[in-house]
Amino acid sequence: MSFDASVALRAAVPQATSPARAPRRALVIAVLAALLAVGSIAAAPAPVAAAGVKVAIIVGPSGANTQTYKTQARSYASLARSYGATVVEVYTPNATWSRAKAAAQGANLLIYLGHGNGFPNPYSSTLDPRKVGGFGLNPVAWKGNTTTRYYGEYYVRTQITLAPNAVVLLNHLCYSAGSSEPGRANPTLSTAKKRVDNYGAGFLRAGARVVFAETLYNASYVIRSLFTTNRTMSQIFWAAPSKTGTYKVSFASVRTSGMAVLMDPRKPHQFYRSVVGKLTMTASTWRP
């Protein structure tokens, strides 16, 4: 049942009022108005102190998936702005390295949607830091959404400086959570663990404390939890609507000393969710 203020006011105040009763009526109206105002304030959600939060969202060229990723990115941007954050967006076909790099500087939350290139992979026996563990971007601006140039962990760690306690969210990238490319065989657990650990390394060296990877599903739960809860990063990871939890994997990072890794395979050898970093950090610590 909803509360109708006009009905309450009519019930509390006589409709025909003599001059002698006018002051009393005015007092009743004033009290009711004050109560309604207090009720409205109490019902309204408390705003999050997010004026100092910078969110950078980058969408790389993704072929047939480009428009889907852009639409999802814009929903993330709208959500972050609803909490008071400043949001910078860089979308293909104008997602060049220079623009992506500029947008990412000082970001508290860096979100990237697009193609991923990780290691181990079928193309090389050694990790090439200039090509793996970073972004897939437009080599030249305004030249379509199908040609990709990879800027690997070397570029991330040497040319980007994130805000203290920054969080990175990788959405829809192959390799980032351990998976293979579409059409290729699922990896072994050993290979998947290396992929997750390697993909997080460059971002952690750029100042991030945590790197989430959500390959298949919407990742807005991370944004909501960061702005509205005091959960740890581990708790945020396990609060995902897409969680499985049946085949979970945890281990200490090899690439980044002191960091931990969680993986949540959908099924054995199907690796689509992961997080690496300082998983005991809380959302309130993330908020500046």
Protein backbone atom coordinates (compact mmCIF):
# COMPACT_ATOMS: atom_id res chain seq x y z
CA MET A 1 0.00 0.00 0.00
CA SER A 2 1.37 3.41 -0.96
CA PHE A 3 1.26 6.50 1.24
CA ASP A 4 -0.94 9.29 -0.23
CA ALA A 5 0.00 12.60 1.43
CA SER A 6 -3.13 14.42 0.21
CA VAL A 7 -5.45 11.82 1.78
CA ALA A 8 -3.56 12.03 5.08
CA LEU A 9 -3.77 15.80 5.05
CA ARG A 10 -7.55 15.82 4.40
CA ALA A 11 -8.12 13.29 7.18
CA ALA A 12 -6.07 15.28 9.70
CA VAL A 13 -7.45 18.75 8.93
CA PRO A 14 -11.18 19.76 8.99
CA GLN A 15 -12.38 21.06 5.64
CA ALA A 16 -14.50 23.88 7.14
CA THR A 17 -12.48 26.01 9.55
CA SER A 18 -13.50 29.05 11.60
CA PRO A 19 -11.13 32.07 11.95
CA ALA A 20 -10.41 31.06 15.55
CA ARG A 21 -9.17 27.66 14.43
CA ALA A 22 -7.02 28.95 11.56
CA PRO A 23 -3.76 29.15 13.57
CA ARG A 24 -4.26 25.57 14.72
CA ARG A 25 -4.85 24.44 11.16
CA ALA A 26 -1.69 26.21 10.00
CA LEU A 27 0.27 24.48 12.74
CA VAL A 28 -1.06 21.05 11.75
CA ILE A 29 -0.20 21.68 8.10
CA ALA A 30 3.29 22.82 9.01
CA VAL A 31 3.88 19.71 11.16
CA LEU A 32 2.60 17.39 8.43
CA ALA A 33 4.76 19.10 5.83
CA ALA A 34 7.80 18.71 8.05
CA LEU A 35 7.03 15.02 8.60
CA LEU A 36 6.60 14.43 4.89
CA ALA A 37 9.89 16.17 4.18
CA VAL A 38 11.70 14.08 6.78
CA GLY A 39 10.12 10.94 5.36
CA SER A 40 11.26 11.82 1.88
CA ILE A 41 14.81 12.40 3.10
CA ALA A 42 14.84 9.12 5.00
CA ALA A 43 13.54 7.17 1.99
CA ALA A 44 16.07 8.59 -0.45
CA PRO A 45 19.29 6.55 -0.85
CA ALA A 46 22.34 8.23 0.58
CA PRO A 47 24.59 9.55 -2.21
CA VAL A 48 28.03 7.98 -2.48
CA ALA A 49 30.99 10.34 -2.11
CA ALA A 50 32.31 9.61 -5.58
CA ALA A 51 33.13 13.09 -6.85
CA GLY A 52 36.82 12.19 -6.91
CA VAL A 53 36.39 8.86 -8.70
CA LYS A 54 37.57 8.65 -12.31
CA VAL A 55 36.28 5.83 -14.49
CA ALA A 56 37.90 5.21 -17.90
CA ILE A 57 36.04 3.00 -20.37
CA ILE A 58 37.73 1.79 -23.55
CA VAL A 59 36.15 -0.28 -26.33
CA GLY A 60 38.47 -1.72 -28.96
CA PRO A 61 37.57 -2.92 -32.48
CA SER A 62 35.68 -6.19 -32.13
CA GLY A 63 34.20 -6.95 -35.55
CA ALA A 64 30.61 -8.17 -35.34
CA ASN A 65 30.59 -7.72 -31.56
CA THR A 66 31.57 -4.05 -31.65
CA GLN A 67 28.10 -2.56 -31.32
CA THR A 68 27.17 -4.96 -28.52
CA TYR A 69 30.31 -4.00 -26.59
CA LYS A 70 29.67 -0.29 -27.13
CA THR A 71 26.12 -0.61 -25.85
CA GLN A 72 27.32 -2.45 -22.77
CA ALA A 73 30.10 0.07 -22.20
CA ARG A 74 27.62 2.95 -22.31
CA SER A 75 25.50 1.20 -19.70
CA TYR A 76 28.60 0.93 -17.47
CA ALA A 77 29.27 4.62 -18.03
CA SER A 78 25.71 5.57 -17.10
CA LEU A 79 25.88 3.43 -13.96
CA ALA A 80 29.17 4.99 -12.84
CA ARG A 81 27.85 8.51 -13.47
CA SER A 82 24.76 7.72 -11.40
CA TYR A 83 27.11 7.38 -8.42
CA GLY A 84 28.76 10.73 -9.11
CA ALA A 85 31.91 9.49 -10.87
CA THR A 86 33.66 11.31 -13.68
CA VAL A 87 33.64 9.03 -16.73
CA VAL A 88 35.93 9.20 -19.77
CA GLU A 89 34.93 7.07 -22.77
CA VAL A 90 37.08 6.03 -25.75
CA TYR A 91 35.37 3.92 -28.39
CA THR A 92 36.42 2.32 -31.65
CA PRO A 93 36.91 3.40 -34.44
CA ASN A 94 38.76 6.13 -32.57
CA ALA A 95 40.27 3.95 -29.84
CA THR A 96 43.91 4.50 -30.70
CA TRP A 97 46.73 3.95 -28.24
CA SER A 98 47.27 7.67 -27.72
CA ARG A 99 43.62 8.24 -26.80
CA ALA A 100 43.31 5.10 -24.67
CA LYS A 101 46.53 5.92 -22.82
CA ALA A 102 45.38 9.47 -22.08
CA ALA A 103 41.98 8.28 -20.84
CA ALA A 104 43.50 5.68 -18.51
CA GLN A 105 45.86 8.05 -16.68
CA GLY A 106 44.86 8.40 -13.05
CA ALA A 107 41.78 6.20 -13.41
CA ASN A 108 40.36 4.63 -10.26
CA LEU A 109 38.44 2.15 -12.39
CA LEU A 110 39.66 1.16 -15.85
CA ILE A 111 37.22 -0.88 -17.96
CA TYR A 112 38.24 -2.42 -21.29
CA LEU A 113 35.99 -4.33 -23.68
CA GLY A 114 37.39 -5.89 -26.85
CA HIS A 115 39.82 -8.47 -28.15
CA GLY A 116 42.46 -9.94 -25.86
CA ASN A 117 45.86 -11.41 -26.61
CA GLY A 118 47.46 -13.44 -23.86
CA PHE A 119 50.12 -16.01 -23.10
CA PRO A 120 50.54 -18.98 -23.41
CA ASN A 121 49.03 -18.90 -26.89
CA PRO A 122 49.28 -21.00 -30.08
CA TYR A 123 51.42 -18.46 -31.90
CA SER A 124 54.59 -18.11 -29.85
CA SER A 125 56.70 -20.14 -27.45
CA THR A 126 57.78 -17.04 -25.50
CA LEU A 127 55.88 -14.18 -23.93
CA ASP A 128 56.13 -10.99 -26.00
CA PRO A 129 55.34 -8.14 -23.58
CA ARG A 130 54.70 -5.72 -26.45
CA LYS A 131 51.80 -7.79 -27.76
CA VAL A 132 50.20 -9.74 -24.88
CA GLY A 133 48.49 -8.76 -21.67
CA GLY A 134 47.04 -5.42 -22.71
CA PHE A 135 44.63 -3.81 -25.17
CA GLY A 136 43.48 -4.51 -28.72
CA LEU A 137 43.01 -1.08 -30.31
CA ASN A 138 42.61 0.77 -33.60
CA PRO A 139 46.00 1.13 -35.32
CA VAL A 140 44.69 4.28 -37.03
CA ALA A 141 41.63 6.32 -36.11
CA TRP A 142 38.42 6.16 -38.14
CA LYS A 143 39.44 3.10 -40.17
CA GLY A 144 36.70 0.70 -39.10
CA ASN A 145 36.13 -1.86 -36.37
CA THR A 146 37.88 -4.95 -37.69
CA THR A 147 41.62 -4.23 -37.73
CA THR A 148 43.31 -4.62 -34.37
CA ARG A 149 46.74 -3.70 -33.07
CA TYR A 150 47.75 -5.08 -29.70
CA TYR A 151 49.44 -2.97 -27.08
CA GLY A 152 50.71 -5.42 -24.50
CA GLU A 153 51.81 -5.25 -20.89
CA TYR A 154 54.99 -3.38 -21.78
CA TYR A 155 52.97 -0.36 -22.95
CA VAL A 156 50.57 -0.62 -20.02
CA ARG A 157 53.24 -0.69 -17.31
CA THR A 158 55.56 1.89 -18.88
CA GLN A 159 53.07 4.45 -20.19
CA ILE A 160 50.04 4.31 -17.89
CA THR A 161 49.86 5.33 -14.24
CA LEU A 162 46.60 4.41 -12.54
CA ALA A 163 45.26 5.93 -9.32
CA PRO A 164 46.26 4.37 -5.99
CA ASN A 165 44.21 1.22 -5.27
CA ALA A 166 42.83 1.25 -8.82
CA VAL A 167 40.67 -1.60 -10.11
CA VAL A 168 40.79 -2.90 -13.69
CA LEU A 169 37.85 -4.69 -15.30
CA LEU A 170 38.50 -6.73 -18.46
CA ASN A 171 35.25 -7.67 -20.20
CA HIS A 172 34.88 -10.18 -23.06
CA LEU A 173 38.62 -10.68 -23.65
CA CYS A 174 39.99 -14.05 -24.71
CA TYR A 175 42.88 -15.25 -22.51
CA SER A 176 42.22 -12.75 -19.69
CA ALA A 177 40.36 -15.26 -17.48
CA GLY A 178 42.22 -18.26 -18.91
CA SER A 179 40.05 -19.16 -21.89
CA SER A 180 41.18 -19.87 -25.43
CA GLU A 181 39.98 -18.13 -28.58
CA PRO A 182 36.64 -19.29 -30.05
CA GLY A 183 37.10 -22.46 -32.08
CA ARG A 184 40.24 -23.57 -30.27
CA ALA A 185 40.50 -26.30 -27.67
CA ASN A 186 39.97 -25.46 -24.04
CA PRO A 187 43.24 -25.08 -22.14
CA THR A 188 44.59 -27.20 -19.34
CA LEU A 189 44.34 -25.79 -15.84
CA SER A 190 48.08 -25.10 -15.83
CA THR A 191 47.84 -23.05 -19.03
CA ALA A 192 44.76 -21.16 -17.85
CA LYS A 193 46.46 -20.19 -14.58
CA LYS A 194 49.43 -18.78 -16.46
CA ARG A 195 47.16 -16.79 -18.76
CA VAL A 196 45.31 -15.15 -15.86
CA ASP A 197 48.53 -14.39 -13.99
CA ASN A 198 50.23 -12.97 -17.07
CA TYR A 199 47.27 -10.83 -18.15
CA GLY A 200 47.06 -9.13 -14.78
CA ALA A 201 50.79 -8.42 -14.47
CA GLY A 202 51.06 -5.29 -16.62
CA PHE A 203 48.03 -3.59 -15.05
CA LEU A 204 49.26 -4.37 -11.53
CA ARG A 205 52.61 -2.82 -12.41
CA ALA A 206 50.76 0.25 -13.70
CA GLY A 207 49.34 0.80 -10.23
CA ALA A 208 46.23 -1.37 -10.14
CA ARG A 209 45.57 -3.37 -7.00
CA VAL A 210 43.06 -5.74 -8.55
CA VAL A 211 42.24 -7.00 -12.07
CA PHE A 212 38.85 -8.61 -12.71
CA ALA A 213 38.22 -10.61 -15.89
CA GLU A 214 34.66 -11.43 -16.94
CA THR A 215 34.74 -13.05 -20.36
CA LEU A 216 31.13 -13.95 -21.11
CA TYR A 217 28.77 -11.94 -18.96
CA ASN A 218 27.77 -8.44 -17.92
CA ALA A 219 30.15 -7.06 -15.29
CA SER A 220 28.03 -4.28 -13.78
CA TYR A 221 28.03 -6.14 -10.45
CA VAL A 222 31.65 -5.06 -9.99
CA ILE A 223 30.76 -1.39 -10.48
CA ARG A 224 27.80 -1.53 -8.12
CA SER A 225 29.79 -3.27 -5.41
CA LEU A 226 32.69 -0.84 -5.66
CA PHE A 227 30.44 2.20 -5.22
CA THR A 228 27.88 0.89 -2.73
CA THR A 229 29.44 -1.76 -0.47
CA ASN A 230 32.38 -2.42 1.80
CA ARG A 231 33.00 -5.88 0.38
CA THR A 232 36.49 -7.17 -0.17
CA MET A 233 37.54 -7.79 -3.77
CA SER A 234 37.19 -11.52 -3.12
CA GLN A 235 33.63 -11.02 -1.86
CA ILE A 236 32.79 -8.89 -4.90
CA PHE A 237 34.08 -11.67 -7.15
CA TRP A 238 31.92 -14.29 -5.45
CA ALA A 239 28.86 -12.00 -5.48
CA ALA A 240 28.66 -12.19 -9.28
CA PRO A 241 25.33 -13.40 -10.72
CA SER A 242 27.39 -15.55 -13.12
CA LYS A 243 29.37 -17.32 -10.41
CA THR A 244 29.62 -21.10 -10.37
CA GLY A 245 31.84 -21.87 -7.40
CA THR A 246 31.90 -25.61 -8.06
CA TYR A 247 35.36 -25.81 -9.60
CA LYS A 248 36.99 -22.77 -8.00
CA VAL A 249 40.77 -22.39 -8.10
CA SER A 250 43.01 -20.20 -5.94
CA PHE A 251 46.78 -19.71 -5.97
CA ALA A 252 49.50 -17.18 -5.26
CA SER A 253 50.56 -15.07 -8.23
CA VAL A 254 53.88 -16.03 -9.77
CA ARG A 255 54.22 -12.88 -11.88
CA THR A 256 53.37 -10.37 -9.14
CA SER A 257 54.72 -10.96 -5.67
CA GLY A 258 52.21 -10.68 -2.83
CA MET A 259 49.14 -10.97 -5.07
CA ALA A 260 46.56 -13.76 -5.12
CA VAL A 261 44.45 -15.27 -7.90
CA LEU A 262 40.92 -16.67 -7.91
CA MET A 263 39.36 -18.50 -10.85
CA ASP A 264 35.78 -19.68 -11.21
CA PRO A 265 35.56 -22.20 -14.07
CA ARG A 266 32.06 -22.71 -15.46
CA LYS A 267 32.95 -26.35 -16.02
CA PRO A 268 36.29 -28.19 -15.95
CA HIS A 269 38.58 -26.46 -18.51
CA GLN A 270 36.07 -23.64 -19.17
CA PHE A 271 37.74 -20.57 -17.71
CA TYR A 272 35.68 -17.40 -18.05
CA ARG A 273 35.95 -15.61 -14.70
CA SER A 274 38.99 -14.59 -12.67
CA VAL A 275 40.43 -11.94 -10.38
CA VAL A 276 44.05 -11.25 -9.47
CA GLY A 277 45.53 -8.78 -7.01
CA LYS A 278 45.19 -7.72 -3.38
CA LEU A 279 41.92 -9.53 -2.79
CA THR A 280 41.55 -8.41 0.83
CA MET A 281 41.24 -4.77 -0.24
CA THR A 282 37.77 -3.38 0.47
CA ALA A 283 35.54 -1.27 -1.74
CA SER A 284 35.74 1.58 0.79
CA THR A 285 39.55 1.52 0.44
CA TRP A 286 39.11 1.73 -3.33
CA ARG A 287 36.92 4.82 -3.03
CA PRO A 288 39.24 7.86 -2.66
